[in-house]
């Protein structure tokens, strides 16, 4: 009796999505996840106003208080499963980033041109950690236009760190960011390449 072919085993990679408060991390994960994403959002209250500034994002009503999780599977060119962990952006949760990044293959630093400085700590964190990362600028309606050169200068990162615009609401745009991250992580660390080939 002829046996049906077994599905190819997927490599699994953990990726972290970080950045400032309200830059679109939850939206990014939700737009591409193959599963209903796990969200740990709570409503913002007047009690948090002193610690969570809404300047520039006054319409925001919820915030991530632990992490977001999503999963996306790719079959081309090789089977690959990406586990996406969204880090909370508020400074009071930054200590949790160390735990969240354990075993991660790379990271996306998501930023908003209206408040670029809110994502500087994330880029600094991954630089100090020695973890490959890319910077993705989420295009918000009405945001001040900035060139990639201006943004690179503002972040003060090496020229080998990929920098790109994206739309966190659009799955194809997010896929481009994630693919760029995986390629950058493989190119920057031979050990990461070996993990993909295992």
N, C-alpha and C. Protein backbone atom coordinates (compact mmCIF):
# COMPACT_ATOMS: atom_id res chain seq x y z
N UNK A 1 0.83 -1.17 0.00
CA UNK A 1 0.00 0.00 0.00
C UNK A 1 0.89 1.25 0.00
N UNK A 2 0.54 2.19 -0.87
CA UNK A 2 1.35 3.40 -1.00
C UNK A 2 1.05 4.34 0.17
N UNK A 3 2.14 4.78 0.81
CA UNK A 3 1.98 5.70 1.94
C UNK A 3 1.96 7.14 1.43
N UNK A 4 1.12 7.94 2.06
CA UNK A 4 1.09 9.36 1.70
C UNK A 4 2.35 10.04 2.24
N UNK A 5 2.89 11.01 1.49
CA UNK A 5 4.11 11.67 1.93
C UNK A 5 3.89 12.42 3.23
N UNK A 6 4.91 12.37 4.07
CA UNK A 6 4.86 13.09 5.34
C UNK A 6 5.17 14.56 5.10
N UNK A 7 4.48 15.47 5.80
CA UNK A 7 4.80 16.88 5.63
C UNK A 7 6.21 17.18 6.11
N UNK A 8 6.87 18.09 5.40
CA UNK A 8 8.24 18.45 5.78
C UNK A 8 8.25 19.09 7.15
N UNK A 9 9.28 18.75 7.93
CA UNK A 9 9.41 19.33 9.26
C UNK A 9 9.81 20.80 9.14
N UNK A 10 9.16 21.64 9.92
CA UNK A 10 9.45 23.06 9.87
C UNK A 10 10.51 23.43 10.90
N UNK A 11 11.43 24.30 10.49
CA UNK A 11 12.29 24.93 11.47
C UNK A 11 11.46 25.97 12.21
N UNK A 12 11.70 26.11 13.50
CA UNK A 12 10.95 27.07 14.31
C UNK A 12 11.91 28.13 14.83
N UNK A 13 11.54 29.39 14.64
CA UNK A 13 12.35 30.50 15.11
C UNK A 13 11.51 31.42 15.99
N UNK A 14 12.11 31.86 17.07
CA UNK A 14 11.47 32.82 17.96
C UNK A 14 11.95 34.22 17.58
N UNK A 15 11.03 35.12 17.31
CA UNK A 15 11.35 36.50 16.99
C UNK A 15 10.64 37.42 17.98
N UNK A 16 11.32 38.49 18.36
CA UNK A 16 10.75 39.45 19.30
C UNK A 16 10.41 40.74 18.56
N UNK A 17 9.25 41.29 18.85
CA UNK A 17 8.81 42.57 18.29
C UNK A 17 8.80 43.57 19.44
N UNK A 18 9.67 44.57 19.36
CA UNK A 18 9.79 45.55 20.45
C UNK A 18 9.70 46.96 19.89
N UNK A 19 9.69 47.92 20.79
CA UNK A 19 9.59 49.31 20.39
C UNK A 19 8.83 50.09 21.43
N UNK A 20 8.63 51.36 21.18
CA UNK A 20 7.98 52.22 22.14
C UNK A 20 6.51 51.92 22.35
N UNK A 21 5.96 52.56 23.34
CA UNK A 21 4.56 52.45 23.70
C UNK A 21 3.70 52.97 22.55
N UNK A 22 2.79 52.12 22.03
CA UNK A 22 1.84 52.56 21.02
C UNK A 22 2.36 52.64 19.60
N UNK A 23 3.46 51.93 19.28
CA UNK A 23 4.01 52.02 17.91
C UNK A 23 3.37 51.02 16.95
N UNK A 24 2.56 50.07 17.46
CA UNK A 24 1.87 49.14 16.58
C UNK A 24 2.31 47.69 16.67
N UNK A 25 2.93 47.30 17.76
CA UNK A 25 3.44 45.93 17.89
C UNK A 25 2.31 44.90 17.89
N UNK A 26 1.26 45.17 18.65
CA UNK A 26 0.11 44.26 18.71
C UNK A 26 -0.56 44.15 17.34
N UNK A 27 -0.69 45.28 16.66
CA UNK A 27 -1.29 45.30 15.33
C UNK A 27 -0.45 44.49 14.35
N UNK A 28 0.87 44.65 14.41
CA UNK A 28 1.78 43.93 13.50
C UNK A 28 1.60 42.42 13.65
N UNK A 29 1.61 41.95 14.87
CA UNK A 29 1.48 40.50 15.10
C UNK A 29 0.10 40.01 14.65
N UNK A 30 -0.92 40.77 14.96
CA UNK A 30 -2.28 40.37 14.59
C UNK A 30 -2.50 40.33 13.09
N UNK A 31 -1.79 41.18 12.34
CA UNK A 31 -2.04 41.25 10.90
C UNK A 31 -1.47 40.06 10.14
N UNK A 32 -0.50 39.35 10.72
CA UNK A 32 0.15 38.27 9.98
C UNK A 32 0.00 36.90 10.63
N UNK A 33 -0.42 36.85 11.87
CA UNK A 33 -0.48 35.56 12.58
C UNK A 33 -1.48 34.61 11.94
N UNK A 34 -1.07 33.35 11.81
CA UNK A 34 -1.95 32.31 11.28
C UNK A 34 -2.99 31.86 12.30
N UNK A 35 -2.76 32.18 13.55
CA UNK A 35 -3.68 31.82 14.62
C UNK A 35 -4.23 33.11 15.23
N UNK A 36 -5.30 32.98 15.97
CA UNK A 36 -5.79 34.15 16.71
C UNK A 36 -4.71 34.51 17.73
N UNK A 37 -4.12 35.69 17.62
CA UNK A 37 -3.00 36.02 18.50
C UNK A 37 -3.41 36.13 19.96
N UNK A 38 -2.48 35.73 20.82
CA UNK A 38 -2.67 35.91 22.25
C UNK A 38 -2.33 37.37 22.57
N UNK A 39 -3.24 38.05 23.21
CA UNK A 39 -3.01 39.45 23.58
C UNK A 39 -3.21 39.61 25.08
N UNK A 40 -2.39 40.43 25.69
CA UNK A 40 -2.55 40.72 27.11
C UNK A 40 -2.81 42.21 27.27
N UNK A 41 -3.84 42.68 26.58
CA UNK A 41 -4.16 44.11 26.60
C UNK A 41 -5.14 44.44 27.72
N UNK A 42 -4.91 45.59 28.30
CA UNK A 42 -5.83 46.12 29.30
C UNK A 42 -6.18 47.56 28.91
N UNK A 43 -7.32 48.00 29.36
CA UNK A 43 -7.75 49.37 29.06
C UNK A 43 -6.89 50.36 29.82
N UNK A 44 -6.55 51.45 29.16
CA UNK A 44 -5.83 52.53 29.82
C UNK A 44 -6.80 53.30 30.72
N UNK A 45 -6.31 53.70 31.87
CA UNK A 45 -7.13 54.45 32.80
C UNK A 45 -6.43 55.76 33.15
N UNK A 46 -7.16 56.62 33.82
CA UNK A 46 -6.57 57.89 34.23
C UNK A 46 -5.43 57.67 35.23
N UNK A 47 -5.45 56.54 35.94
CA UNK A 47 -4.39 56.26 36.91
C UNK A 47 -3.04 56.03 36.24
N UNK A 48 -3.05 55.59 34.97
CA UNK A 48 -1.79 55.31 34.29
C UNK A 48 -1.25 56.53 33.54
N UNK A 49 -2.00 57.63 33.56
CA UNK A 49 -1.62 58.81 32.78
C UNK A 49 -0.25 59.34 33.18
N UNK A 50 0.10 59.22 34.44
CA UNK A 50 1.39 59.75 34.91
C UNK A 50 2.56 58.95 34.39
N UNK A 51 2.35 57.67 34.09
CA UNK A 51 3.46 56.82 33.65
C UNK A 51 3.41 56.49 32.17
N UNK A 52 2.23 56.49 31.56
CA UNK A 52 2.08 56.15 30.14
C UNK A 52 1.61 57.38 29.37
N UNK A 53 2.55 58.16 28.89
CA UNK A 53 2.20 59.38 28.17
C UNK A 53 1.53 59.04 26.84
N UNK A 54 0.41 59.69 26.59
CA UNK A 54 -0.33 59.48 25.34
C UNK A 54 -0.07 60.61 24.34
N UNK A 55 0.96 61.39 24.57
CA UNK A 55 1.27 62.49 23.66
C UNK A 55 1.55 61.93 22.27
N UNK A 56 0.78 62.38 21.30
CA UNK A 56 0.93 61.91 19.93
C UNK A 56 0.10 60.69 19.60
N UNK A 57 -0.43 60.01 20.63
CA UNK A 57 -1.26 58.81 20.41
C UNK A 57 -2.51 58.89 21.29
N UNK A 58 -3.13 60.04 21.30
CA UNK A 58 -4.25 60.30 22.20
C UNK A 58 -5.43 59.35 22.00
N UNK A 59 -5.56 58.75 20.82
CA UNK A 59 -6.70 57.87 20.56
C UNK A 59 -6.49 56.46 21.11
N UNK A 60 -5.31 56.16 21.62
CA UNK A 60 -5.02 54.81 22.13
C UNK A 60 -5.82 54.57 23.41
N UNK A 61 -6.48 53.40 23.49
CA UNK A 61 -7.32 53.09 24.64
C UNK A 61 -6.88 51.86 25.41
N UNK A 62 -6.00 51.03 24.82
CA UNK A 62 -5.53 49.81 25.49
C UNK A 62 -4.01 49.73 25.41
N UNK A 63 -3.44 48.86 26.24
CA UNK A 63 -2.00 48.68 26.21
C UNK A 63 -1.64 47.25 26.60
N UNK A 64 -0.53 46.75 26.06
CA UNK A 64 -0.05 45.41 26.39
C UNK A 64 0.62 45.45 27.76
N UNK A 65 0.25 44.52 28.63
CA UNK A 65 0.80 44.52 29.98
C UNK A 65 1.71 43.32 30.24
N UNK A 66 1.80 42.38 29.33
CA UNK A 66 2.73 41.27 29.47
C UNK A 66 3.43 41.06 28.13
N UNK A 67 2.79 40.33 27.22
CA UNK A 67 3.33 40.19 25.87
C UNK A 67 2.22 39.73 24.94
N UNK A 68 2.47 39.91 23.65
CA UNK A 68 1.59 39.37 22.61
C UNK A 68 2.28 38.16 22.00
N UNK A 69 1.49 37.24 21.46
CA UNK A 69 2.08 36.07 20.81
C UNK A 69 1.29 35.73 19.56
N UNK A 70 2.03 35.47 18.48
CA UNK A 70 1.42 35.01 17.25
C UNK A 70 2.32 34.01 16.56
N UNK A 71 1.79 33.30 15.58
CA UNK A 71 2.58 32.30 14.87
C UNK A 71 2.27 32.40 13.39
N UNK A 72 3.32 32.31 12.58
CA UNK A 72 3.13 32.32 11.13
C UNK A 72 4.02 31.25 10.51
N UNK A 73 3.45 30.48 9.58
CA UNK A 73 4.20 29.43 8.90
C UNK A 73 4.45 29.78 7.45
N UNK A 74 5.68 29.59 7.02
CA UNK A 74 6.05 29.80 5.62
C UNK A 74 6.53 28.48 5.04
N UNK A 75 6.22 28.25 3.78
CA UNK A 75 6.64 27.01 3.12
C UNK A 75 7.69 27.22 2.05
N UNK A 76 7.94 28.47 1.66
CA UNK A 76 8.87 28.75 0.59
C UNK A 76 9.95 29.70 1.09
N UNK A 77 11.23 29.45 0.77
CA UNK A 77 11.72 28.30 0.00
C UNK A 77 11.79 27.02 0.84
N UNK A 78 11.86 27.13 2.17
CA UNK A 78 11.88 25.96 3.03
C UNK A 78 10.84 26.14 4.13
N UNK A 79 10.29 25.03 4.65
CA UNK A 79 9.29 25.15 5.71
C UNK A 79 9.87 25.86 6.94
N UNK A 80 9.17 26.89 7.39
CA UNK A 80 9.67 27.71 8.50
C UNK A 80 8.49 28.17 9.34
N UNK A 81 8.63 28.04 10.65
CA UNK A 81 7.59 28.49 11.58
C UNK A 81 8.17 29.63 12.42
N UNK A 82 7.50 30.76 12.41
CA UNK A 82 7.96 31.91 13.17
C UNK A 82 7.04 32.11 14.38
N UNK A 83 7.65 32.17 15.56
CA UNK A 83 6.90 32.46 16.78
C UNK A 83 7.19 33.91 17.13
N UNK A 84 6.16 34.73 17.12
CA UNK A 84 6.31 36.18 17.30
C UNK A 84 5.90 36.57 18.72
N UNK A 85 6.82 37.20 19.43
CA UNK A 85 6.55 37.66 20.79
C UNK A 85 6.64 39.19 20.82
N UNK A 86 5.54 39.83 21.13
CA UNK A 86 5.51 41.28 21.20
C UNK A 86 5.79 41.76 22.61
N UNK A 87 6.82 42.59 22.76
CA UNK A 87 7.22 43.08 24.08
C UNK A 87 6.44 44.33 24.46
N UNK A 88 6.11 44.49 25.72
CA UNK A 88 5.44 45.72 26.15
C UNK A 88 6.39 46.91 26.01
N UNK A 89 5.84 48.07 25.63
CA UNK A 89 6.70 49.20 25.33
C UNK A 89 6.98 50.15 26.48
N UNK A 90 6.17 50.10 27.53
CA UNK A 90 6.35 51.06 28.62
C UNK A 90 7.61 50.78 29.42
N UNK A 91 8.32 51.83 29.84
CA UNK A 91 9.57 51.65 30.59
C UNK A 91 9.43 50.75 31.82
N UNK A 92 8.28 50.75 32.47
CA UNK A 92 8.16 49.94 33.69
C UNK A 92 8.18 48.45 33.41
N UNK A 93 8.05 48.06 32.12
CA UNK A 93 8.08 46.64 31.76
C UNK A 93 9.40 46.22 31.11
N UNK A 94 10.35 47.14 30.98
CA UNK A 94 11.59 46.82 30.27
C UNK A 94 12.37 45.68 30.90
N UNK A 95 12.30 45.51 32.21
CA UNK A 95 13.02 44.40 32.86
C UNK A 95 12.56 43.05 32.31
N UNK A 96 11.32 42.98 31.86
CA UNK A 96 10.76 41.74 31.33
C UNK A 96 11.36 41.37 29.98
N UNK A 97 11.96 42.35 29.29
CA UNK A 97 12.54 42.09 27.97
C UNK A 97 13.61 40.99 28.02
N UNK A 98 14.39 40.95 29.10
CA UNK A 98 15.45 39.93 29.21
C UNK A 98 14.85 38.54 29.16
N UNK A 99 13.76 38.34 29.87
CA UNK A 99 13.10 37.03 29.88
C UNK A 99 12.50 36.72 28.51
N UNK A 100 11.86 37.72 27.92
CA UNK A 100 11.16 37.52 26.66
C UNK A 100 12.12 37.20 25.51
N UNK A 101 13.35 37.69 25.57
CA UNK A 101 14.29 37.50 24.46
C UNK A 101 15.12 36.22 24.59
N UNK A 102 14.96 35.48 25.66
CA UNK A 102 15.73 34.23 25.81
C UNK A 102 15.40 33.28 24.66
N UNK A 103 16.45 32.82 23.98
CA UNK A 103 16.27 31.88 22.88
C UNK A 103 15.80 32.50 21.58
N UNK A 104 15.74 33.83 21.52
CA UNK A 104 15.25 34.49 20.30
C UNK A 104 16.32 34.50 19.21
N UNK A 105 15.87 34.40 17.98
CA UNK A 105 16.73 34.39 16.80
C UNK A 105 17.07 35.80 16.33
N UNK A 106 16.16 36.74 16.61
CA UNK A 106 16.36 38.12 16.20
C UNK A 106 15.18 38.96 16.65
N UNK A 107 15.23 40.25 16.33
CA UNK A 107 14.19 41.16 16.80
C UNK A 107 13.87 42.22 15.76
N UNK A 108 12.63 42.68 15.82
CA UNK A 108 12.18 43.84 15.06
C UNK A 108 12.00 44.98 16.04
N UNK A 109 12.63 46.12 15.77
CA UNK A 109 12.37 47.33 16.53
C UNK A 109 11.39 48.15 15.70
N UNK A 110 10.16 48.24 16.19
CA UNK A 110 9.13 48.99 15.48
C UNK A 110 9.13 50.43 15.99
N UNK A 111 9.01 51.38 15.07
CA UNK A 111 9.09 52.78 15.46
C UNK A 111 8.02 53.61 14.76
N UNK A 112 7.80 54.80 15.29
CA UNK A 112 6.81 55.75 14.80
C UNK A 112 7.54 57.08 14.64
N UNK A 113 7.50 57.68 13.45
CA UNK A 113 8.26 58.91 13.21
C UNK A 113 7.76 60.07 14.07
N UNK A 114 6.54 59.97 14.60
CA UNK A 114 6.03 61.03 15.48
C UNK A 114 6.72 61.01 16.83
N UNK A 115 7.25 59.83 17.20
CA UNK A 115 7.87 59.66 18.52
C UNK A 115 9.04 58.69 18.41
N UNK A 116 10.00 59.01 17.55
CA UNK A 116 11.12 58.09 17.32
C UNK A 116 11.84 57.72 18.61
N UNK A 117 12.02 58.70 19.49
CA UNK A 117 12.80 58.47 20.71
C UNK A 117 12.22 57.36 21.59
N UNK A 118 10.91 57.09 21.46
CA UNK A 118 10.31 56.05 22.30
C UNK A 118 10.83 54.67 21.95
N UNK A 119 11.40 54.51 20.74
CA UNK A 119 11.93 53.20 20.34
C UNK A 119 13.45 53.12 20.43
N UNK A 120 14.12 54.22 20.80
CA UNK A 120 15.58 54.17 20.96
C UNK A 120 16.02 53.12 21.99
N UNK A 121 15.35 53.02 23.16
CA UNK A 121 15.79 52.03 24.16
C UNK A 121 15.76 50.59 23.63
N UNK A 122 14.80 50.27 22.76
CA UNK A 122 14.73 48.91 22.21
C UNK A 122 15.95 48.63 21.33
N UNK A 123 16.31 49.59 20.47
CA UNK A 123 17.49 49.41 19.62
C UNK A 123 18.75 49.29 20.47
N UNK A 124 18.86 50.13 21.50
CA UNK A 124 20.02 50.05 22.41
C UNK A 124 20.08 48.69 23.10
N UNK A 125 18.92 48.19 23.51
CA UNK A 125 18.85 46.92 24.22
C UNK A 125 19.39 45.78 23.35
N UNK A 126 18.93 45.70 22.11
CA UNK A 126 19.36 44.60 21.25
C UNK A 126 20.81 44.76 20.80
N UNK A 127 21.26 46.01 20.66
CA UNK A 127 22.67 46.24 20.36
C UNK A 127 23.54 45.70 21.48
N UNK A 128 23.21 46.05 22.72
CA UNK A 128 23.99 45.61 23.87
C UNK A 128 23.91 44.10 24.05
N UNK A 129 22.77 43.52 23.68
CA UNK A 129 22.59 42.08 23.79
C UNK A 129 23.34 41.32 22.70
N UNK A 130 23.69 42.03 21.63
CA UNK A 130 24.35 41.39 20.50
C UNK A 130 23.40 40.57 19.66
N UNK A 131 22.11 40.90 19.72
CA UNK A 131 21.10 40.17 18.95
C UNK A 131 20.82 40.89 17.63
N UNK A 132 20.80 40.15 16.53
CA UNK A 132 20.46 40.79 15.24
C UNK A 132 19.07 41.41 15.29
N UNK A 133 18.95 42.62 14.74
CA UNK A 133 17.65 43.27 14.70
C UNK A 133 17.53 44.14 13.47
N UNK A 134 16.29 44.43 13.11
CA UNK A 134 15.99 45.39 12.05
C UNK A 134 15.12 46.48 12.64
N UNK A 135 15.14 47.64 12.02
CA UNK A 135 14.27 48.73 12.45
C UNK A 135 13.21 48.94 11.38
N UNK A 136 11.95 48.84 11.78
CA UNK A 136 10.83 49.02 10.85
C UNK A 136 10.04 50.25 11.28
N UNK A 137 9.86 51.18 10.36
CA UNK A 137 9.14 52.41 10.65
C UNK A 137 7.69 52.24 10.21
N UNK A 138 6.79 52.19 11.19
CA UNK A 138 5.37 52.00 10.92
C UNK A 138 4.80 53.30 10.36
N UNK A 139 4.18 53.22 9.21
CA UNK A 139 3.63 54.42 8.56
C UNK A 139 2.27 54.76 9.15
N UNK A 140 2.24 55.79 9.97
CA UNK A 140 0.99 56.27 10.55
C UNK A 140 0.46 57.44 9.73
N UNK A 141 -0.85 57.49 9.56
CA UNK A 141 -1.47 58.61 8.84
C UNK A 141 -1.15 59.92 9.55
N UNK A 142 -0.68 60.88 8.78
CA UNK A 142 -0.38 62.19 9.35
C UNK A 142 0.97 62.30 10.01
N UNK A 143 1.76 61.22 9.97
CA UNK A 143 3.09 61.28 10.59
C UNK A 143 4.02 62.16 9.78
N UNK A 144 4.92 62.83 10.47
CA UNK A 144 5.88 63.70 9.79
C UNK A 144 6.77 62.87 8.88
N UNK A 145 6.93 63.31 7.62
CA UNK A 145 7.80 62.55 6.71
C UNK A 145 9.25 62.63 7.14
N UNK A 146 9.91 61.50 7.16
CA UNK A 146 11.34 61.42 7.48
C UNK A 146 11.98 60.49 6.47
N UNK A 147 13.19 60.79 6.07
CA UNK A 147 13.91 59.88 5.18
C UNK A 147 14.56 58.79 6.01
N UNK A 148 14.89 57.67 5.36
CA UNK A 148 15.57 56.59 6.08
C UNK A 148 16.92 57.06 6.60
N UNK A 149 17.59 57.94 5.85
CA UNK A 149 18.89 58.46 6.30
C UNK A 149 18.72 59.26 7.59
N UNK A 150 17.68 60.08 7.66
CA UNK A 150 17.42 60.86 8.87
C UNK A 150 17.11 59.95 10.05
N UNK A 151 16.34 58.91 9.78
CA UNK A 151 15.97 57.98 10.85
C UNK A 151 17.19 57.20 11.34
N UNK A 152 18.05 56.79 10.41
CA UNK A 152 19.28 56.07 10.81
C UNK A 152 20.15 56.97 11.68
N UNK A 153 20.26 58.23 11.30
CA UNK A 153 21.04 59.17 12.11
C UNK A 153 20.44 59.33 13.50
N UNK A 154 19.12 59.38 13.56
CA UNK A 154 18.45 59.54 14.85
C UNK A 154 18.69 58.33 15.76
N UNK A 155 18.64 57.12 15.18
CA UNK A 155 18.87 55.91 15.97
C UNK A 155 20.35 55.67 16.24
N UNK A 156 21.21 56.26 15.41
CA UNK A 156 22.66 56.12 15.56
C UNK A 156 23.07 54.64 15.57
N UNK A 157 22.60 53.89 14.56
CA UNK A 157 22.94 52.47 14.45
C UNK A 157 23.87 52.26 13.27
N UNK A 158 24.59 51.14 13.29
CA UNK A 158 25.50 50.80 12.21
C UNK A 158 24.75 50.68 10.89
N UNK A 159 25.47 50.90 9.81
CA UNK A 159 24.85 50.84 8.48
C UNK A 159 24.41 49.43 8.10
N UNK A 160 24.92 48.42 8.80
CA UNK A 160 24.51 47.05 8.46
C UNK A 160 23.18 46.66 9.10
N UNK A 161 22.62 47.52 9.96
CA UNK A 161 21.30 47.24 10.54
C UNK A 161 20.23 47.62 9.52
N UNK A 162 19.46 46.65 9.02
CA UNK A 162 18.42 46.97 8.03
C UNK A 162 17.39 47.95 8.59
N UNK A 163 16.99 48.90 7.76
CA UNK A 163 16.04 49.93 8.14
C UNK A 163 15.02 50.05 7.00
N UNK A 164 13.73 50.00 7.33
CA UNK A 164 12.72 50.00 6.28
C UNK A 164 11.41 50.56 6.80
N UNK A 165 10.59 51.05 5.86
CA UNK A 165 9.23 51.46 6.20
C UNK A 165 8.31 50.25 6.12
N UNK A 166 7.21 50.30 6.88
CA UNK A 166 6.24 49.20 6.80
C UNK A 166 4.87 49.73 7.20
N UNK A 167 3.87 48.91 6.95
CA UNK A 167 2.51 49.16 7.41
C UNK A 167 2.13 47.97 8.28
N UNK A 168 2.07 48.18 9.58
CA UNK A 168 1.81 47.08 10.52
C UNK A 168 0.45 46.45 10.32
N UNK A 169 -0.43 47.10 9.57
CA UNK A 169 -1.78 46.55 9.32
C UNK A 169 -1.81 45.62 8.13
N UNK A 170 -0.72 45.61 7.35
CA UNK A 170 -0.69 44.88 6.09
C UNK A 170 0.20 43.65 6.20
N UNK A 171 -0.38 42.46 5.98
CA UNK A 171 0.37 41.21 6.16
C UNK A 171 1.56 41.12 5.23
N UNK A 172 1.43 41.56 3.99
CA UNK A 172 2.56 41.48 3.05
C UNK A 172 3.71 42.39 3.49
N UNK A 173 3.36 43.56 3.98
CA UNK A 173 4.37 44.49 4.47
C UNK A 173 5.10 43.91 5.68
N UNK A 174 4.34 43.32 6.59
CA UNK A 174 4.94 42.70 7.78
C UNK A 174 5.80 41.51 7.38
N UNK A 175 5.34 40.71 6.42
CA UNK A 175 6.12 39.56 5.95
C UNK A 175 7.47 40.01 5.41
N UNK A 176 7.50 41.13 4.71
CA UNK A 176 8.75 41.67 4.18
C UNK A 176 9.71 42.02 5.30
N UNK A 177 9.18 42.60 6.37
CA UNK A 177 10.01 42.94 7.54
C UNK A 177 10.58 41.68 8.18
N UNK A 178 9.73 40.68 8.38
CA UNK A 178 10.18 39.44 9.03
C UNK A 178 11.20 38.69 8.17
N UNK A 179 10.98 38.67 6.86
CA UNK A 179 11.92 38.02 5.97
C UNK A 179 13.28 38.73 6.00
N UNK A 180 13.24 40.06 6.01
CA UNK A 180 14.48 40.84 6.10
C UNK A 180 15.21 40.52 7.40
N UNK A 181 14.47 40.40 8.49
CA UNK A 181 15.09 40.07 9.78
C UNK A 181 15.76 38.70 9.74
N UNK A 182 15.03 37.69 9.24
CA UNK A 182 15.60 36.34 9.20
C UNK A 182 16.85 36.31 8.33
N UNK A 183 16.81 36.96 7.18
CA UNK A 183 17.99 36.99 6.30
C UNK A 183 19.15 37.72 6.97
N UNK A 184 18.85 38.82 7.66
CA UNK A 184 19.90 39.57 8.35
C UNK A 184 20.50 38.76 9.49
N UNK A 185 19.65 38.06 10.24
CA UNK A 185 20.15 37.26 11.36
C UNK A 185 21.04 36.12 10.87
N UNK A 186 20.66 35.49 9.76
CA UNK A 186 21.48 34.41 9.19
C UNK A 186 22.82 34.95 8.71
N UNK A 187 22.78 36.11 8.03
CA UNK A 187 24.01 36.68 7.47
C UNK A 187 24.95 37.20 8.55
N UNK A 188 24.40 37.65 9.66
CA UNK A 188 25.24 38.27 10.69
C UNK A 188 25.83 37.29 11.68
N UNK A 189 25.31 36.07 11.71
CA UNK A 189 25.82 35.09 12.67
C UNK A 189 25.79 33.70 12.07
N UNK A 190 26.95 33.13 11.76
CA UNK A 190 27.00 31.76 11.21
C UNK A 190 26.28 30.75 12.09
N UNK A 191 26.30 30.96 13.39
CA UNK A 191 25.63 30.02 14.29
C UNK A 191 24.13 30.00 14.03
N UNK A 192 23.55 31.15 13.68
CA UNK A 192 22.14 31.20 13.36
C UNK A 192 21.83 30.41 12.10
N UNK A 193 22.74 30.50 11.12
CA UNK A 193 22.57 29.74 9.87
C UNK A 193 22.56 28.25 10.16
N UNK A 194 23.43 27.82 11.06
CA UNK A 194 23.51 26.40 11.40
C UNK A 194 22.21 25.93 12.04
N UNK A 195 21.56 26.79 12.81
CA UNK A 195 20.28 26.43 13.44
C UNK A 195 19.21 26.20 12.39
N UNK A 196 19.24 26.97 11.31
CA UNK A 196 18.26 26.81 10.25
C UNK A 196 18.49 25.52 9.46
N UNK A 197 19.76 25.11 9.35
CA UNK A 197 20.10 23.92 8.57
C UNK A 197 19.93 22.64 9.36
N UNK A 198 19.78 22.77 10.68
CA UNK A 198 19.72 21.57 11.54
C UNK A 198 18.45 20.77 11.26
